[in-house]
Amino acid sequence: MTESAQDGEYDEWLDSIESGEGYYLECSNGHGWLPPRRVCPRCHDQDLSAVDLPESGEIASHTTITVPTPQFEDDAPYVTAIADFGPVSVTGLVRDVDPDDVAIGDVVGLDVGERVTTGDRAVVFRPR
């Protein structure tokens, strides 16, 4: 993996996923959000607690990119998806499955991989 500058709390969150300790933030009213957050955007509660992410999520939406920007040309074709993990939605890249076989409702696990073109770390979904 290519060494790059840390991106604060986002990289800390990616580190937590890599170590099998992925989490989301939940306010005292039960609203869930991905870090970084200091305040619940829904109710403005500042009492946020880390809660373990579920081990699997479900693809809610996806698209296959076949003509990418030059920044991601070596990654194509690739699938970007939104998957629901309990009360939070996570955006990531679907890996280890043919792009034509990705479907809404597919059960996926959360992982960290890297983009082929840039070597940057990225949220990755893999079939369960």
N, C-alpha and C. Protein backbone atom coordinates (compact mmCIF):
# COMPACT_ATOMS: atom_id res chain seq x y z
N MET A 1 0.85 -1.17 0.00
CA MET A 1 0.00 0.00 0.00
C MET A 1 0.90 1.23 0.00
N THR A 2 0.51 2.25 -0.74
CA THR A 2 1.25 3.49 -0.83
C THR A 2 1.07 4.29 0.45
N GLU A 3 2.16 4.85 0.98
CA GLU A 3 2.07 5.71 2.16
C GLU A 3 1.56 7.08 1.72
N SER A 4 0.60 7.60 2.46
CA SER A 4 0.08 8.93 2.16
C SER A 4 -0.23 9.63 3.47
N ALA A 5 -0.46 10.92 3.38
CA ALA A 5 -0.75 11.71 4.56
C ALA A 5 -2.06 11.27 5.18
N GLN A 6 -2.11 11.25 6.50
CA GLN A 6 -3.34 10.91 7.22
C GLN A 6 -4.39 12.00 6.99
N ASP A 7 -5.63 11.60 6.90
CA ASP A 7 -6.75 12.53 6.74
C ASP A 7 -7.56 12.54 8.03
N GLY A 8 -6.89 12.82 9.13
CA GLY A 8 -7.55 12.99 10.42
C GLY A 8 -8.45 11.86 10.82
N GLU A 9 -9.66 12.23 11.26
CA GLU A 9 -10.60 11.25 11.79
C GLU A 9 -11.08 10.25 10.74
N TYR A 10 -11.10 10.64 9.47
CA TYR A 10 -11.50 9.69 8.44
C TYR A 10 -10.52 8.52 8.39
N ASP A 11 -9.23 8.82 8.42
CA ASP A 11 -8.23 7.75 8.41
C ASP A 11 -8.28 6.93 9.69
N GLU A 12 -8.59 7.56 10.80
CA GLU A 12 -8.76 6.81 12.05
C GLU A 12 -9.92 5.83 11.91
N TRP A 13 -10.99 6.28 11.24
CA TRP A 13 -12.15 5.41 11.02
C TRP A 13 -11.76 4.24 10.11
N LEU A 14 -11.01 4.52 9.02
CA LEU A 14 -10.54 3.44 8.14
C LEU A 14 -9.67 2.47 8.92
N ASP A 15 -8.80 2.99 9.79
CA ASP A 15 -7.96 2.13 10.62
C ASP A 15 -8.82 1.21 11.49
N SER A 16 -9.91 1.75 12.04
CA SER A 16 -10.78 0.93 12.89
C SER A 16 -11.43 -0.19 12.08
N ILE A 17 -11.78 0.08 10.84
CA ILE A 17 -12.37 -0.96 9.98
C ILE A 17 -11.32 -2.04 9.70
N GLU A 18 -10.11 -1.61 9.36
CA GLU A 18 -9.03 -2.57 9.08
C GLU A 18 -8.73 -3.47 10.27
N SER A 19 -8.87 -2.95 11.47
CA SER A 19 -8.57 -3.74 12.66
C SER A 19 -9.79 -4.53 13.15
N GLY A 20 -10.90 -4.49 12.37
CA GLY A 20 -12.10 -5.24 12.75
C GLY A 20 -12.92 -4.58 13.84
N GLU A 21 -12.69 -3.28 14.05
CA GLU A 21 -13.39 -2.55 15.10
C GLU A 21 -14.13 -1.34 14.53
N GLY A 22 -14.71 -1.50 13.33
CA GLY A 22 -15.45 -0.40 12.71
C GLY A 22 -16.59 0.07 13.58
N TYR A 23 -16.87 1.35 13.53
CA TYR A 23 -17.91 1.92 14.39
C TYR A 23 -18.63 3.06 13.68
N TYR A 24 -19.75 3.43 14.26
CA TYR A 24 -20.44 4.64 13.87
C TYR A 24 -20.74 5.42 15.14
N LEU A 25 -21.18 6.65 15.00
CA LEU A 25 -21.50 7.48 16.15
C LEU A 25 -23.00 7.56 16.29
N GLU A 26 -23.47 7.44 17.53
CA GLU A 26 -24.90 7.48 17.80
C GLU A 26 -25.16 8.51 18.90
N CYS A 27 -26.17 9.34 18.69
CA CYS A 27 -26.55 10.32 19.71
C CYS A 27 -27.49 9.67 20.71
N SER A 28 -27.82 10.40 21.77
CA SER A 28 -28.69 9.85 22.81
C SER A 28 -30.12 9.63 22.33
N ASN A 29 -30.46 10.16 21.13
CA ASN A 29 -31.78 9.94 20.55
C ASN A 29 -31.79 8.79 19.54
N GLY A 30 -30.64 8.09 19.40
CA GLY A 30 -30.58 6.91 18.54
C GLY A 30 -30.28 7.18 17.08
N HIS A 31 -29.94 8.40 16.72
CA HIS A 31 -29.57 8.71 15.33
C HIS A 31 -28.13 8.27 15.09
N GLY A 32 -27.87 7.57 13.99
CA GLY A 32 -26.53 7.08 13.68
C GLY A 32 -25.89 7.85 12.56
N TRP A 33 -24.57 8.10 12.69
CA TRP A 33 -23.80 8.86 11.69
C TRP A 33 -22.39 8.31 11.63
N LEU A 34 -21.77 8.47 10.47
CA LEU A 34 -20.37 8.09 10.35
C LEU A 34 -19.50 9.23 10.84
N PRO A 35 -18.35 8.89 11.42
CA PRO A 35 -17.42 9.94 11.84
C PRO A 35 -16.77 10.59 10.62
N PRO A 36 -16.18 11.74 10.74
CA PRO A 36 -16.12 12.53 11.97
C PRO A 36 -17.40 13.34 12.19
N ARG A 37 -17.80 13.44 13.43
CA ARG A 37 -18.97 14.23 13.85
C ARG A 37 -18.70 14.76 15.24
N ARG A 38 -19.18 15.93 15.52
CA ARG A 38 -19.12 16.49 16.87
C ARG A 38 -20.54 16.71 17.41
N VAL A 39 -21.49 16.81 16.46
CA VAL A 39 -22.89 17.10 16.80
C VAL A 39 -23.77 16.27 15.87
N CYS A 40 -24.87 15.75 16.39
CA CYS A 40 -25.84 15.04 15.55
C CYS A 40 -26.48 16.05 14.61
N PRO A 41 -26.37 15.86 13.29
CA PRO A 41 -26.97 16.80 12.35
C PRO A 41 -28.50 16.81 12.37
N ARG A 42 -29.08 15.76 12.93
CA ARG A 42 -30.55 15.66 12.92
C ARG A 42 -31.17 16.38 14.12
N CYS A 43 -30.60 16.18 15.33
CA CYS A 43 -31.22 16.75 16.53
C CYS A 43 -30.29 17.70 17.29
N HIS A 44 -29.06 17.82 16.82
CA HIS A 44 -28.06 18.73 17.40
C HIS A 44 -27.53 18.28 18.76
N ASP A 45 -27.78 17.03 19.13
CA ASP A 45 -27.26 16.46 20.37
C ASP A 45 -25.73 16.39 20.26
N GLN A 46 -25.04 16.75 21.31
CA GLN A 46 -23.58 16.68 21.32
C GLN A 46 -23.06 15.47 22.08
N ASP A 47 -23.95 14.68 22.64
CA ASP A 47 -23.57 13.48 23.38
C ASP A 47 -23.54 12.30 22.41
N LEU A 48 -22.40 12.10 21.74
CA LEU A 48 -22.24 11.04 20.74
C LEU A 48 -21.39 9.92 21.31
N SER A 49 -21.81 8.69 21.05
CA SER A 49 -21.09 7.50 21.51
C SER A 49 -20.73 6.62 20.33
N ALA A 50 -19.57 5.98 20.41
CA ALA A 50 -19.16 5.03 19.38
C ALA A 50 -19.91 3.71 19.58
N VAL A 51 -20.49 3.20 18.49
CA VAL A 51 -21.23 1.94 18.50
C VAL A 51 -20.65 1.05 17.40
N ASP A 52 -20.46 -0.25 17.68
CA ASP A 52 -19.91 -1.17 16.70
C ASP A 52 -20.79 -1.23 15.45
N LEU A 53 -20.15 -1.17 14.28
CA LEU A 53 -20.88 -1.38 13.02
C LEU A 53 -21.30 -2.84 12.92
N PRO A 54 -22.47 -3.11 12.35
CA PRO A 54 -22.84 -4.51 12.09
C PRO A 54 -21.79 -5.17 11.19
N GLU A 55 -21.65 -6.49 11.29
CA GLU A 55 -20.66 -7.20 10.49
C GLU A 55 -21.00 -7.23 9.01
N SER A 56 -22.29 -7.08 8.69
CA SER A 56 -22.68 -7.07 7.28
C SER A 56 -23.73 -6.00 7.04
N GLY A 57 -23.77 -5.58 5.79
CA GLY A 57 -24.75 -4.58 5.36
C GLY A 57 -25.41 -5.05 4.08
N GLU A 58 -26.31 -4.22 3.58
CA GLU A 58 -27.07 -4.58 2.38
C GLU A 58 -26.97 -3.45 1.37
N ILE A 59 -26.63 -3.80 0.13
CA ILE A 59 -26.51 -2.78 -0.92
C ILE A 59 -27.88 -2.16 -1.18
N ALA A 60 -27.94 -0.83 -1.07
CA ALA A 60 -29.18 -0.09 -1.28
C ALA A 60 -29.21 0.57 -2.66
N SER A 61 -28.03 0.86 -3.20
CA SER A 61 -27.93 1.50 -4.51
C SER A 61 -26.52 1.25 -5.04
N HIS A 62 -26.39 1.20 -6.36
CA HIS A 62 -25.06 1.00 -6.94
C HIS A 62 -25.03 1.51 -8.38
N THR A 63 -23.83 1.78 -8.85
CA THR A 63 -23.63 2.14 -10.24
C THR A 63 -22.27 1.62 -10.69
N THR A 64 -22.18 1.22 -11.94
CA THR A 64 -20.92 0.75 -12.50
C THR A 64 -20.30 1.86 -13.33
N ILE A 65 -19.06 2.19 -13.01
CA ILE A 65 -18.32 3.23 -13.73
C ILE A 65 -17.47 2.54 -14.78
N THR A 66 -17.77 2.82 -16.05
CA THR A 66 -16.98 2.23 -17.14
C THR A 66 -16.11 3.27 -17.84
N VAL A 67 -16.49 4.54 -17.73
CA VAL A 67 -15.70 5.63 -18.31
C VAL A 67 -15.37 6.61 -17.18
N PRO A 68 -14.27 6.35 -16.46
CA PRO A 68 -13.95 7.17 -15.30
C PRO A 68 -13.18 8.43 -15.68
N THR A 69 -13.00 9.29 -14.69
CA THR A 69 -12.11 10.43 -14.87
C THR A 69 -10.69 9.88 -14.93
N PRO A 70 -9.75 10.64 -15.49
CA PRO A 70 -8.37 10.14 -15.58
C PRO A 70 -7.79 9.73 -14.22
N GLN A 71 -8.26 10.34 -13.14
CA GLN A 71 -7.75 10.01 -11.81
C GLN A 71 -8.00 8.55 -11.45
N PHE A 72 -9.03 7.92 -12.03
CA PHE A 72 -9.38 6.55 -11.67
C PHE A 72 -9.41 5.62 -12.89
N GLU A 73 -8.70 5.97 -13.96
CA GLU A 73 -8.79 5.20 -15.19
C GLU A 73 -8.34 3.75 -15.05
N ASP A 74 -7.37 3.47 -14.20
CA ASP A 74 -6.90 2.09 -14.06
C ASP A 74 -7.84 1.25 -13.19
N ASP A 75 -8.78 1.88 -12.51
CA ASP A 75 -9.74 1.16 -11.67
C ASP A 75 -10.91 0.61 -12.48
N ALA A 76 -11.20 1.21 -13.63
CA ALA A 76 -12.40 0.87 -14.40
C ALA A 76 -12.30 -0.51 -15.04
N PRO A 77 -13.43 -1.18 -15.19
CA PRO A 77 -14.73 -0.79 -14.64
C PRO A 77 -14.78 -1.08 -13.14
N TYR A 78 -15.48 -0.24 -12.40
CA TYR A 78 -15.64 -0.47 -10.97
C TYR A 78 -17.05 -0.09 -10.55
N VAL A 79 -17.47 -0.67 -9.43
CA VAL A 79 -18.82 -0.44 -8.91
C VAL A 79 -18.71 0.38 -7.64
N THR A 80 -19.43 1.49 -7.62
CA THR A 80 -19.59 2.29 -6.40
C THR A 80 -20.98 1.97 -5.87
N ALA A 81 -21.07 1.76 -4.56
CA ALA A 81 -22.36 1.39 -3.97
C ALA A 81 -22.58 2.12 -2.65
N ILE A 82 -23.83 2.19 -2.27
CA ILE A 82 -24.22 2.63 -0.94
C ILE A 82 -24.82 1.41 -0.27
N ALA A 83 -24.28 1.07 0.91
CA ALA A 83 -24.78 -0.08 1.65
C ALA A 83 -25.23 0.37 3.02
N ASP A 84 -26.35 -0.17 3.46
CA ASP A 84 -26.89 0.15 4.78
C ASP A 84 -26.32 -0.83 5.79
N PHE A 85 -25.67 -0.28 6.81
CA PHE A 85 -25.13 -1.05 7.93
C PHE A 85 -25.87 -0.55 9.17
N GLY A 86 -26.97 -1.22 9.49
CA GLY A 86 -27.79 -0.75 10.59
C GLY A 86 -28.34 0.64 10.27
N PRO A 87 -28.17 1.59 11.17
CA PRO A 87 -28.75 2.92 10.96
C PRO A 87 -27.92 3.85 10.08
N VAL A 88 -26.77 3.37 9.58
CA VAL A 88 -25.92 4.24 8.77
C VAL A 88 -25.76 3.70 7.36
N SER A 89 -25.61 4.61 6.41
CA SER A 89 -25.33 4.25 5.02
C SER A 89 -23.87 4.57 4.73
N VAL A 90 -23.19 3.62 4.11
CA VAL A 90 -21.77 3.76 3.82
C VAL A 90 -21.60 3.69 2.31
N THR A 91 -20.75 4.57 1.76
CA THR A 91 -20.43 4.55 0.34
C THR A 91 -19.08 3.89 0.16
N GLY A 92 -18.98 2.98 -0.81
CA GLY A 92 -17.71 2.30 -1.04
C GLY A 92 -17.66 1.64 -2.40
N LEU A 93 -16.57 0.94 -2.64
CA LEU A 93 -16.34 0.22 -3.89
C LEU A 93 -16.64 -1.26 -3.66
N VAL A 94 -17.34 -1.88 -4.60
CA VAL A 94 -17.64 -3.31 -4.51
C VAL A 94 -16.50 -4.07 -5.17
N ARG A 95 -15.94 -5.03 -4.44
CA ARG A 95 -14.82 -5.82 -4.95
C ARG A 95 -15.15 -7.31 -4.86
N ASP A 96 -14.38 -8.10 -5.59
CA ASP A 96 -14.47 -9.56 -5.57
C ASP A 96 -15.77 -10.09 -6.15
N VAL A 97 -16.40 -9.32 -7.05
CA VAL A 97 -17.61 -9.76 -7.73
C VAL A 97 -17.64 -9.07 -9.09
N ASP A 98 -18.13 -9.77 -10.10
CA ASP A 98 -18.26 -9.18 -11.44
C ASP A 98 -19.24 -8.00 -11.36
N PRO A 99 -18.88 -6.84 -11.93
CA PRO A 99 -19.79 -5.69 -11.88
C PRO A 99 -21.21 -5.99 -12.35
N ASP A 100 -21.38 -6.88 -13.31
CA ASP A 100 -22.72 -7.23 -13.81
C ASP A 100 -23.54 -8.03 -12.80
N ASP A 101 -22.87 -8.60 -11.80
CA ASP A 101 -23.56 -9.43 -10.83
C ASP A 101 -23.95 -8.69 -9.55
N VAL A 102 -23.59 -7.42 -9.42
CA VAL A 102 -23.94 -6.64 -8.23
C VAL A 102 -25.42 -6.29 -8.30
N ALA A 103 -26.14 -6.46 -7.18
CA ALA A 103 -27.58 -6.19 -7.16
C ALA A 103 -27.99 -5.54 -5.85
N ILE A 104 -29.03 -4.75 -5.91
CA ILE A 104 -29.62 -4.19 -4.70
C ILE A 104 -30.07 -5.35 -3.83
N GLY A 105 -29.76 -5.25 -2.55
CA GLY A 105 -30.10 -6.32 -1.62
C GLY A 105 -28.96 -7.29 -1.34
N ASP A 106 -27.88 -7.22 -2.14
CA ASP A 106 -26.73 -8.09 -1.88
C ASP A 106 -26.18 -7.80 -0.48
N VAL A 107 -25.81 -8.84 0.23
CA VAL A 107 -25.23 -8.70 1.56
C VAL A 107 -23.71 -8.60 1.40
N VAL A 108 -23.14 -7.57 2.04
CA VAL A 108 -21.71 -7.31 1.91
C VAL A 108 -21.08 -7.06 3.28
N GLY A 109 -19.78 -7.30 3.32
CA GLY A 109 -18.98 -6.96 4.49
C GLY A 109 -18.21 -5.69 4.19
N LEU A 110 -17.71 -5.06 5.22
CA LEU A 110 -17.00 -3.80 5.11
C LEU A 110 -15.51 -4.05 5.28
N ASP A 111 -14.71 -3.45 4.41
CA ASP A 111 -13.27 -3.63 4.44
C ASP A 111 -12.61 -2.35 3.95
N VAL A 112 -11.30 -2.34 3.96
CA VAL A 112 -10.54 -1.22 3.39
C VAL A 112 -9.62 -1.81 2.34
N GLY A 113 -9.63 -1.19 1.16
CA GLY A 113 -8.75 -1.60 0.07
C GLY A 113 -8.05 -0.37 -0.46
N GLU A 114 -7.56 -0.48 -1.67
CA GLU A 114 -6.94 0.70 -2.27
C GLU A 114 -7.33 0.82 -3.73
N ARG A 115 -7.32 2.04 -4.19
CA ARG A 115 -7.61 2.31 -5.59
C ARG A 115 -6.40 1.91 -6.42
N VAL A 116 -6.65 1.26 -7.56
CA VAL A 116 -5.57 0.79 -8.42
C VAL A 116 -4.77 1.98 -8.95
N THR A 117 -5.44 3.01 -9.41
CA THR A 117 -4.78 4.14 -10.06
C THR A 117 -3.94 4.96 -9.11
N THR A 118 -4.49 5.28 -7.93
CA THR A 118 -3.81 6.21 -7.02
C THR A 118 -3.13 5.54 -5.84
N GLY A 119 -3.55 4.33 -5.49
CA GLY A 119 -3.03 3.68 -4.30
C GLY A 119 -3.65 4.20 -3.01
N ASP A 120 -4.58 5.15 -3.12
CA ASP A 120 -5.25 5.69 -1.93
C ASP A 120 -6.15 4.63 -1.30
N ARG A 121 -6.25 4.67 0.03
CA ARG A 121 -7.16 3.76 0.72
C ARG A 121 -8.60 4.14 0.41
N ALA A 122 -9.45 3.11 0.39
CA ALA A 122 -10.86 3.33 0.08
C ALA A 122 -11.71 2.32 0.85
N VAL A 123 -12.93 2.70 1.16
CA VAL A 123 -13.89 1.78 1.74
C VAL A 123 -14.27 0.77 0.67
N VAL A 124 -14.26 -0.51 1.04
CA VAL A 124 -14.54 -1.59 0.09
C VAL A 124 -15.60 -2.51 0.67
N PHE A 125 -16.52 -2.94 -0.19
CA PHE A 125 -17.52 -3.94 0.17
C PHE A 125 -17.15 -5.24 -0.51
N ARG A 126 -17.26 -6.33 0.23
CA ARG A 126 -17.02 -7.66 -0.34
C ARG A 126 -18.21 -8.54 -0.03
N PRO A 127 -18.57 -9.42 -0.97
CA PRO A 127 -19.73 -10.30 -0.75
C PRO A 127 -19.56 -11.14 0.52
N ARG A 128 -20.67 -11.38 1.19
CA ARG A 128 -20.68 -12.24 2.40
C ARG A 128 -21.30 -13.56 2.05
